[in-house]
Amino acid sequence: MNRSTAIAWSVAGLAGSLLLLLSAGATALVGLVFSVDLPHAWKGDPRVGLAAAPVAIGFGVLAALVARRSLGQLRALRREGQGRGR
């Protein structure tokens, strides 16, 4: 894998991490909305919110792991590039 491909995969990993983080927020928000009792719409159930919480936490942890790996790859590529006199 050449340098440009490695950079592209690292950037794609960071974009995926951002998407996972947004999914975590959306899942938490959906869990909160469905657990609240709204008049004339539906009867809220706190179990739905409690079921959405671990999913949201999982998305957040996965986002952090992907971002950490991608940033580590980019740092390694930067160190490698500095050795060539750039």
PDB file of N, CA and C in Angstrom:
ATOM      1  N   MET A   1       0.854  -1.165   0.000  1.00  0.00           N
ATOM      2  CA  MET A   1       0.000   0.000   0.000  1.00  0.00           C
ATOM      3  C   MET A   1       0.906   1.236   0.000  1.00  0.00           C
ATOM      4  N   ASN A   2       0.655   2.129  -0.954  1.00  0.00           N
ATOM      5  CA  ASN A   2       1.479   3.325  -1.009  1.00  0.00           C
ATOM      6  C   ASN A   2       0.967   4.395  -0.034  1.00  0.00           C
ATOM      7  N   ARG A   3       1.692   5.478   0.057  1.00  0.00           N
ATOM      8  CA  ARG A   3       1.407   6.519   1.049  1.00  0.00           C
ATOM      9  C   ARG A   3       0.038   7.173   0.820  1.00  0.00           C
ATOM     10  N   SER A   4      -0.297   7.458  -0.422  1.00  0.00           N
ATOM     11  CA  SER A   4      -1.579   8.114  -0.718  1.00  0.00           C
ATOM     12  C   SER A   4      -2.760   7.227  -0.341  1.00  0.00           C
ATOM     13  N   THR A   5      -2.646   5.946  -0.605  1.00  0.00           N
ATOM     14  CA  THR A   5      -3.722   5.019  -0.253  1.00  0.00           C
ATOM     15  C   THR A   5      -3.880   4.928   1.259  1.00  0.00           C
ATOM     16  N   ALA A   6      -2.760   4.902   1.977  1.00  0.00           N
ATOM     17  CA  ALA A   6      -2.813   4.846   3.441  1.00  0.00           C
ATOM     18  C   ALA A   6      -3.461   6.098   4.020  1.00  0.00           C
ATOM     19  N   ILE A   7      -3.140   7.251   3.445  1.00  0.00           N
ATOM     20  CA  ILE A   7      -3.757   8.503   3.905  1.00  0.00           C
ATOM     21  C   ILE A   7      -5.255   8.484   3.616  1.00  0.00           C
ATOM     22  N   ALA A   8      -5.626   7.999   2.430  1.00  0.00           N
ATOM     23  CA  ALA A   8      -7.051   7.961   2.071  1.00  0.00           C
ATOM     24  C   ALA A   8      -7.827   7.045   3.015  1.00  0.00           C
ATOM     25  N   TRP A   9      -7.257   5.885   3.370  1.00  0.00           N
ATOM     26  CA  TRP A   9      -7.952   4.980   4.291  1.00  0.00           C
ATOM     27  C   TRP A   9      -8.056   5.588   5.691  1.00  0.00           C
ATOM     28  N   SER A  10      -7.029   6.318   6.111  1.00  0.00           N
ATOM     29  CA  SER A  10      -7.082   6.955   7.426  1.00  0.00           C
ATOM     30  C   SER A  10      -8.150   8.045   7.461  1.00  0.00           C
ATOM     31  N   VAL A  11      -8.244   8.818   6.397  1.00  0.00           N
ATOM     32  CA  VAL A  11      -9.269   9.863   6.323  1.00  0.00           C
ATOM     33  C   VAL A  11     -10.657   9.240   6.265  1.00  0.00           C
ATOM     34  N   ALA A  12     -10.786   8.140   5.527  1.00  0.00           N
ATOM     35  CA  ALA A  12     -12.075   7.437   5.482  1.00  0.00           C
ATOM     36  C   ALA A  12     -12.433   6.893   6.864  1.00  0.00           C
ATOM     37  N   GLY A  13     -11.449   6.421   7.604  1.00  0.00           N
ATOM     38  CA  GLY A  13     -11.694   5.966   8.972  1.00  0.00           C
ATOM     39  C   GLY A  13     -12.159   7.091   9.874  1.00  0.00           C
ATOM     40  N   LEU A  14     -11.574   8.273   9.722  1.00  0.00           N
ATOM     41  CA  LEU A  14     -12.019   9.427  10.522  1.00  0.00           C
ATOM     42  C   LEU A  14     -13.441   9.844  10.149  1.00  0.00           C
ATOM     43  N   ALA A  15     -13.768   9.786   8.868  1.00  0.00           N
ATOM     44  CA  ALA A  15     -15.133  10.106   8.441  1.00  0.00           C
ATOM     45  C   ALA A  15     -16.119   9.069   8.987  1.00  0.00           C
ATOM     46  N   GLY A  16     -15.732   7.811   8.966  1.00  0.00           N
ATOM     47  CA  GLY A  16     -16.577   6.767   9.545  1.00  0.00           C
ATOM     48  C   GLY A  16     -16.748   6.938  11.040  1.00  0.00           C
ATOM     49  N   SER A  17     -15.696   7.383  11.700  1.00  0.00           N
ATOM     50  CA  SER A  17     -15.770   7.641  13.134  1.00  0.00           C
ATOM     51  C   SER A  17     -16.757   8.768  13.426  1.00  0.00           C
ATOM     52  N   LEU A  18     -16.729   9.798  12.615  1.00  0.00           N
ATOM     53  CA  LEU A  18     -17.688  10.893  12.782  1.00  0.00           C
ATOM     54  C   LEU A  18     -19.112  10.401  12.557  1.00  0.00           C
ATOM     55  N   LEU A  19     -19.306   9.554  11.564  1.00  0.00           N
ATOM     56  CA  LEU A  19     -20.626   8.984  11.303  1.00  0.00           C
ATOM     57  C   LEU A  19     -21.104   8.128  12.480  1.00  0.00           C
ATOM     58  N   LEU A  20     -20.210   7.340  13.054  1.00  0.00           N
ATOM     59  CA  LEU A  20     -20.564   6.539  14.223  1.00  0.00           C
ATOM     60  C   LEU A  20     -20.914   7.415  15.420  1.00  0.00           C
ATOM     61  N   LEU A  21     -20.190   8.513  15.589  1.00  0.00           N
ATOM     62  CA  LEU A  21     -20.475   9.420  16.695  1.00  0.00           C
ATOM     63  C   LEU A  21     -21.840  10.090  16.515  1.00  0.00           C
ATOM     64  N   LEU A  22     -22.162  10.476  15.287  1.00  0.00           N
ATOM     65  CA  LEU A  22     -23.483  11.039  15.014  1.00  0.00           C
ATOM     66  C   LEU A  22     -24.582  10.001  15.226  1.00  0.00           C
ATOM     67  N   SER A  23     -24.302   8.748  14.863  1.00  0.00           N
ATOM     68  CA  SER A  23     -25.266   7.668  15.096  1.00  0.00           C
ATOM     69  C   SER A  23     -25.491   7.451  16.587  1.00  0.00           C
ATOM     70  N   ALA A  24     -24.440   7.575  17.377  1.00  0.00           N
ATOM     71  CA  ALA A  24     -24.574   7.440  18.829  1.00  0.00           C
ATOM     72  C   ALA A  24     -25.493   8.520  19.384  1.00  0.00           C
ATOM     73  N   GLY A  25     -25.296   9.740  18.932  1.00  0.00           N
ATOM     74  CA  GLY A  25     -26.158  10.836  19.385  1.00  0.00           C
ATOM     75  C   GLY A  25     -27.599  10.648  18.952  1.00  0.00           C
ATOM     76  N   ALA A  26     -27.787  10.211  17.711  1.00  0.00           N
ATOM     77  CA  ALA A  26     -29.149   9.995  17.213  1.00  0.00           C
ATOM     78  C   ALA A  26     -29.834   8.858  17.959  1.00  0.00           C
ATOM     79  N   THR A  27     -29.097   7.794  18.261  1.00  0.00           N
ATOM     80  CA  THR A  27     -29.677   6.676  18.994  1.00  0.00           C
ATOM     81  C   THR A  27     -30.078   7.090  20.403  1.00  0.00           C
ATOM     82  N   ALA A  28     -29.227   7.876  21.044  1.00  0.00           N
ATOM     83  CA  ALA A  28     -29.560   8.371  22.381  1.00  0.00           C
ATOM     84  C   ALA A  28     -30.782   9.278  22.338  1.00  0.00           C
ATOM     85  N   LEU A  29     -30.862  10.119  21.323  1.00  0.00           N
ATOM     86  CA  LEU A  29     -32.001  11.024  21.191  1.00  0.00           C
ATOM     87  C   LEU A  29     -33.296  10.261  20.914  1.00  0.00           C
ATOM     88  N   VAL A  30     -33.226   9.263  20.059  1.00  0.00           N
ATOM     89  CA  VAL A  30     -34.412   8.446  19.765  1.00  0.00           C
ATOM     90  C   VAL A  30     -34.865   7.699  21.013  1.00  0.00           C
ATOM     91  N   GLY A  31     -33.917   7.164  21.765  1.00  0.00           N
ATOM     92  CA  GLY A  31     -34.267   6.488  23.014  1.00  0.00           C
ATOM     93  C   GLY A  31     -34.935   7.426  23.997  1.00  0.00           C
ATOM     94  N   LEU A  32     -34.437   8.662  24.072  1.00  0.00           N
ATOM     95  CA  LEU A  32     -35.044   9.654  24.959  1.00  0.00           C
ATOM     96  C   LEU A  32     -36.448  10.025  24.504  1.00  0.00           C
ATOM     97  N   VAL A  33     -36.614  10.219  23.210  1.00  0.00           N
ATOM     98  CA  VAL A  33     -37.924  10.600  22.687  1.00  0.00           C
ATOM     99  C   VAL A  33     -38.954   9.498  22.913  1.00  0.00           C
ATOM    100  N   PHE A  34     -38.568   8.259  22.680  1.00  0.00           N
ATOM    101  CA  PHE A  34     -39.523   7.161  22.851  1.00  0.00           C
ATOM    102  C   PHE A  34     -39.801   6.822  24.312  1.00  0.00           C
ATOM    103  N   SER A  35     -38.944   7.274  25.206  1.00  0.00           N
ATOM    104  CA  SER A  35     -39.188   6.991  26.621  1.00  0.00           C
ATOM    105  C   SER A  35     -40.049   8.057  27.287  1.00  0.00           C
ATOM    106  N   VAL A  36     -40.258   9.180  26.621  1.00  0.00           N
ATOM    107  CA  VAL A  36     -41.065  10.265  27.181  1.00  0.00           C
ATOM    108  C   VAL A  36     -42.527  10.061  26.793  1.00  0.00           C
ATOM    109  N   ASP A  37     -43.402  10.332  27.716  1.00  0.00           N
ATOM    110  CA  ASP A  37     -44.834  10.196  27.478  1.00  0.00           C
ATOM    111  C   ASP A  37     -45.359  11.460  26.816  1.00  0.00           C
ATOM    112  N   LEU A  38     -45.871  11.347  25.601  1.00  0.00           N
ATOM    113  CA  LEU A  38     -46.421  12.493  24.885  1.00  0.00           C
ATOM    114  C   LEU A  38     -47.937  12.347  24.788  1.00  0.00           C
ATOM    115  N   PRO A  39     -48.669  13.429  25.031  1.00  0.00           N
ATOM    116  CA  PRO A  39     -50.130  13.335  24.914  1.00  0.00           C
ATOM    117  C   PRO A  39     -50.570  13.196  23.452  1.00  0.00           C
ATOM    118  N   HIS A  40     -51.551  12.394  23.221  1.00  0.00           N
ATOM    119  CA  HIS A  40     -52.173  12.180  21.906  1.00  0.00           C
ATOM    120  C   HIS A  40     -51.253  11.499  20.907  1.00  0.00           C
ATOM    121  N   ALA A  41     -50.063  11.060  21.303  1.00  0.00           N
ATOM    122  CA  ALA A  41     -49.164  10.445  20.331  1.00  0.00           C
ATOM    123  C   ALA A  41     -48.900   8.974  20.702  1.00  0.00           C
ATOM    124  N   TRP A  42     -48.238   8.745  21.778  1.00  0.00           N
ATOM    125  CA  TRP A  42     -47.959   7.389  22.228  1.00  0.00           C
ATOM    126  C   TRP A  42     -47.672   7.405  23.723  1.00  0.00           C
ATOM    127  N   LYS A  43     -47.738   6.243  24.277  1.00  0.00           N
ATOM    128  CA  LYS A  43     -47.436   6.090  25.691  1.00  0.00           C
ATOM    129  C   LYS A  43     -45.943   5.785  25.815  1.00  0.00           C
ATOM    130  N   GLY A  44     -45.237   6.613  26.521  1.00  0.00           N
ATOM    131  CA  GLY A  44     -43.800   6.431  26.673  1.00  0.00           C
ATOM    132  C   GLY A  44     -43.456   5.215  27.520  1.00  0.00           C
ATOM    133  N   ASP A  45     -42.316   4.638  27.244  1.00  0.00           N
ATOM    134  CA  ASP A  45     -41.860   3.477  27.992  1.00  0.00           C
ATOM    135  C   ASP A  45     -40.377   3.649  28.303  1.00  0.00           C
ATOM    136  N   PRO A  46     -40.020   3.770  29.573  1.00  0.00           N
ATOM    137  CA  PRO A  46     -38.606   3.977  29.919  1.00  0.00           C
ATOM    138  C   PRO A  46     -37.698   2.819  29.493  1.00  0.00           C
ATOM    139  N   ARG A  47     -38.258   1.642  29.294  1.00  0.00           N
ATOM    140  CA  ARG A  47     -37.436   0.507  28.864  1.00  0.00           C
ATOM    141  C   ARG A  47     -36.841   0.729  27.480  1.00  0.00           C
ATOM    142  N   VAL A  48     -37.558   1.483  26.638  1.00  0.00           N
ATOM    143  CA  VAL A  48     -37.022   1.772  25.301  1.00  0.00           C
ATOM    144  C   VAL A  48     -35.778   2.643  25.426  1.00  0.00           C
ATOM    145  N   GLY A  49     -35.844   3.652  26.284  1.00  0.00           N
ATOM    146  CA  GLY A  49     -34.679   4.493  26.512  1.00  0.00           C
ATOM    147  C   GLY A  49     -33.526   3.727  27.112  1.00  0.00           C
ATOM    148  N   LEU A  50     -33.839   2.822  28.022  1.00  0.00           N
ATOM    149  CA  LEU A  50     -32.789   2.006  28.628  1.00  0.00           C
ATOM    150  C   LEU A  50     -32.197   1.019  27.624  1.00  0.00           C
ATOM    151  N   ALA A  51     -32.982   0.587  26.671  1.00  0.00           N
ATOM    152  CA  ALA A  51     -32.460  -0.323  25.646  1.00  0.00           C
ATOM    153  C   ALA A  51     -31.589   0.434  24.633  1.00  0.00           C
ATOM    154  N   ALA A  52     -31.904   1.699  24.399  1.00  0.00           N
ATOM    155  CA  ALA A  52     -31.132   2.483  23.435  1.00  0.00           C
ATOM    156  C   ALA A  52     -29.807   2.964  24.019  1.00  0.00           C
ATOM    157  N   ALA A  53     -29.719   3.074  25.341  1.00  0.00           N
ATOM    158  CA  ALA A  53     -28.507   3.605  25.969  1.00  0.00           C
ATOM    159  C   ALA A  53     -27.272   2.739  25.695  1.00  0.00           C
ATOM    160  N   PRO A  54     -27.316   1.417  25.875  1.00  0.00           N
ATOM    161  CA  PRO A  54     -26.111   0.631  25.581  1.00  0.00           C
ATOM    162  C   PRO A  54     -25.715   0.660  24.104  1.00  0.00           C
ATOM    163  N   VAL A  55     -26.704   0.756  23.239  1.00  0.00           N
ATOM    164  CA  VAL A  55     -26.402   0.847  21.803  1.00  0.00           C
ATOM    165  C   VAL A  55     -25.675   2.152  21.513  1.00  0.00           C
ATOM    166  N   ALA A  56     -26.151   3.244  22.098  1.00  0.00           N
ATOM    167  CA  ALA A  56     -25.510   4.541  21.901  1.00  0.00           C
ATOM    168  C   ALA A  56     -24.100   4.545  22.485  1.00  0.00           C
ATOM    169  N   ILE A  57     -23.933   3.944  23.641  1.00  0.00           N
ATOM    170  CA  ILE A  57     -22.602   3.869  24.251  1.00  0.00           C
ATOM    171  C   ILE A  57     -21.671   3.021  23.388  1.00  0.00           C
ATOM    172  N   GLY A  58     -22.195   1.935  22.841  1.00  0.00           N
ATOM    173  CA  GLY A  58     -21.394   1.093  21.950  1.00  0.00           C
ATOM    174  C   GLY A  58     -20.946   1.836  20.706  1.00  0.00           C
ATOM    175  N   PHE A  59     -21.853   2.598  20.108  1.00  0.00           N
ATOM    176  CA  PHE A  59     -21.483   3.409  18.948  1.00  0.00           C
ATOM    177  C   PHE A  59     -20.390   4.412  19.318  1.00  0.00           C
ATOM    178  N   GLY A  60     -20.521   5.033  20.485  1.00  0.00           N
ATOM    179  CA  GLY A  60     -19.524   6.009  20.912  1.00  0.00           C
ATOM    180  C   GLY A  60     -18.154   5.386  21.144  1.00  0.00           C
ATOM    181  N   VAL A  61     -18.125   4.224  21.780  1.00  0.00           N
ATOM    182  CA  VAL A  61     -16.855   3.531  22.018  1.00  0.00           C
ATOM    183  C   VAL A  61     -16.228   3.099  20.696  1.00  0.00           C
ATOM    184  N   LEU A  62     -17.035   2.567  19.810  1.00  0.00           N
ATOM    185  CA  LEU A  62     -16.525   2.153  18.503  1.00  0.00           C
ATOM    186  C   LEU A  62     -15.976   3.346  17.722  1.00  0.00           C
ATOM    187  N   ALA A  63     -16.660   4.484  17.801  1.00  0.00           N
ATOM    188  CA  ALA A  63     -16.184   5.701  17.131  1.00  0.00           C
ATOM    189  C   ALA A  63     -14.829   6.123  17.692  1.00  0.00           C
ATOM    190  N   ALA A  64     -14.662   6.049  19.005  1.00  0.00           N
ATOM    191  CA  ALA A  64     -13.394   6.429  19.615  1.00  0.00           C
ATOM    192  C   ALA A  64     -12.271   5.489  19.186  1.00  0.00           C
ATOM    193  N   LEU A  65     -12.557   4.192  19.117  1.00  0.00           N
ATOM    194  CA  LEU A  65     -11.534   3.234  18.701  1.00  0.00           C
ATOM    195  C   LEU A  65     -11.112   3.440  17.249  1.00  0.00           C
ATOM    196  N   VAL A  66     -12.075   3.672  16.386  1.00  0.00           N
ATOM    197  CA  VAL A  66     -11.760   3.890  14.969  1.00  0.00           C
ATOM    198  C   VAL A  66     -10.969   5.184  14.801  1.00  0.00           C
ATOM    199  N   ALA A  67     -11.370   6.244  15.498  1.00  0.00           N
ATOM    200  CA  ALA A  67     -10.658   7.518  15.392  1.00  0.00           C
ATOM    201  C   ALA A  67      -9.235   7.386  15.922  1.00  0.00           C
ATOM    202  N   ARG A  68      -9.068   6.681  17.022  1.00  0.00           N
ATOM    203  CA  ARG A  68      -7.739   6.513  17.602  1.00  0.00           C
ATOM    204  C   ARG A  68      -6.809   5.767  16.637  1.00  0.00           C
ATOM    205  N   ARG A  69      -7.338   4.730  16.016  1.00  0.00           N
ATOM    206  CA  ARG A  69      -6.524   3.954  15.065  1.00  0.00           C
ATOM    207  C   ARG A  69      -6.164   4.791  13.837  1.00  0.00           C
ATOM    208  N   SER A  70      -7.124   5.540  13.313  1.00  0.00           N
ATOM    209  CA  SER A  70      -6.874   6.353  12.126  1.00  0.00           C
ATOM    210  C   SER A  70      -5.880   7.475  12.417  1.00  0.00           C
ATOM    211  N   LEU A  71      -6.025   8.110  13.571  1.00  0.00           N
ATOM    212  CA  LEU A  71      -5.083   9.168  13.923  1.00  0.00           C
ATOM    213  C   LEU A  71      -3.679   8.609  14.151  1.00  0.00           C
ATOM    214  N   GLY A  72      -3.590   7.425  14.725  1.00  0.00           N
ATOM    215  CA  GLY A  72      -2.285   6.786  14.890  1.00  0.00           C
ATOM    216  C   GLY A  72      -1.613   6.490  13.557  1.00  0.00           C
ATOM    217  N   GLN A  73      -2.405   6.046  12.588  1.00  0.00           N
ATOM    218  CA  GLN A  73      -1.850   5.785  11.257  1.00  0.00           C
ATOM    219  C   GLN A  73      -1.372   7.070  10.609  1.00  0.00           C
ATOM    220  N   LEU A  74      -2.148   8.149  10.751  1.00  0.00           N
ATOM    221  CA  LEU A  74      -1.741   9.422  10.159  1.00  0.00           C
ATOM    222  C   LEU A  74      -0.479   9.959  10.820  1.00  0.00           C
ATOM    223  N   ARG A  75      -0.352   9.807  12.135  1.00  0.00           N
ATOM    224  CA  ARG A  75       0.868  10.252  12.823  1.00  0.00           C
ATOM    225  C   ARG A  75       2.080   9.450  12.359  1.00  0.00           C
ATOM    226  N   ALA A  76       1.888   8.157  12.191  1.00  0.00           N
ATOM    227  CA  ALA A  76       2.988   7.319  11.720  1.00  0.00           C
ATOM    228  C   ALA A  76       3.402   7.708  10.306  1.00  0.00           C
ATOM    229  N   LEU A  77       2.444   8.025   9.469  1.00  0.00           N
ATOM    230  CA  LEU A  77       2.768   8.448   8.103  1.00  0.00           C
ATOM    231  C   LEU A  77       3.476   9.798   8.104  1.00  0.00           C
ATOM    232  N   ARG A  78       3.088  10.673   9.008  1.00  0.00           N
ATOM    233  CA  ARG A  78       3.745  11.985   9.084  1.00  0.00           C
ATOM    234  C   ARG A  78       5.202  11.815   9.526  1.00  0.00           C
ATOM    235  N   ARG A  79       5.436  10.963  10.537  1.00  0.00           N
ATOM    236  CA  ARG A  79       6.804  10.705  10.995  1.00  0.00           C
ATOM    237  C   ARG A  79       7.647  10.085   9.880  1.00  0.00           C
ATOM    238  N   GLU A  80       7.026   9.198   9.133  1.00  0.00           N
ATOM    239  CA  GLU A  80       7.732   8.559   8.021  1.00  0.00           C
ATOM    240  C   GLU A  80       8.095   9.569   6.964  1.00  0.00           C
ATOM    241  N   GLY A  81       7.196  10.506   6.679  1.00  0.00           N
ATOM    242  CA  GLY A  81       7.441  11.530   5.664  1.00  0.00           C
ATOM    243  C   GLY A  81       8.493  12.532   6.074  1.00  0.00           C
ATOM    244  N   GLN A  82       8.648  12.799   7.365  1.00  0.00           N
ATOM    245  CA  GLN A  82       9.639  13.748   7.842  1.00  0.00           C
ATOM    246  C   GLN A  82      11.046  13.197   7.713  1.00  0.00           C
ATOM    247  N   GLY A  83      11.175  11.906   7.686  1.00  0.00           N
ATOM    248  CA  GLY A  83      12.492  11.277   7.544  1.00  0.00           C
ATOM    249  C   GLY A  83      13.093  11.442   6.160  1.00  0.00           C
ATOM    250  N   ARG A  84      12.283  11.775   5.164  1.00  0.00           N
ATOM    251  CA  ARG A  84      12.756  11.912   3.798  1.00  0.00           C
ATOM    252  C   ARG A  84      13.220  13.329   3.473  1.00  0.00           C
ATOM    253  N   GLY A  85      13.163  14.231   4.454  1.00  0.00           N
ATOM    254  CA  GLY A  85      13.609  15.604   4.215  1.00  0.00           C
ATOM    255  C   GLY A  85      12.530  16.521   3.712  1.00  0.00           C
ATOM    256  N   ARG A  86      11.285  16.180   3.963  1.00  0.00           N
ATOM    257  CA  ARG A  86      10.177  17.050   3.540  1.00  0.00           C
ATOM    258  C   ARG A  86       9.920  18.109   4.554  1.00  0.00           C
TER     259      ARG A  86
END
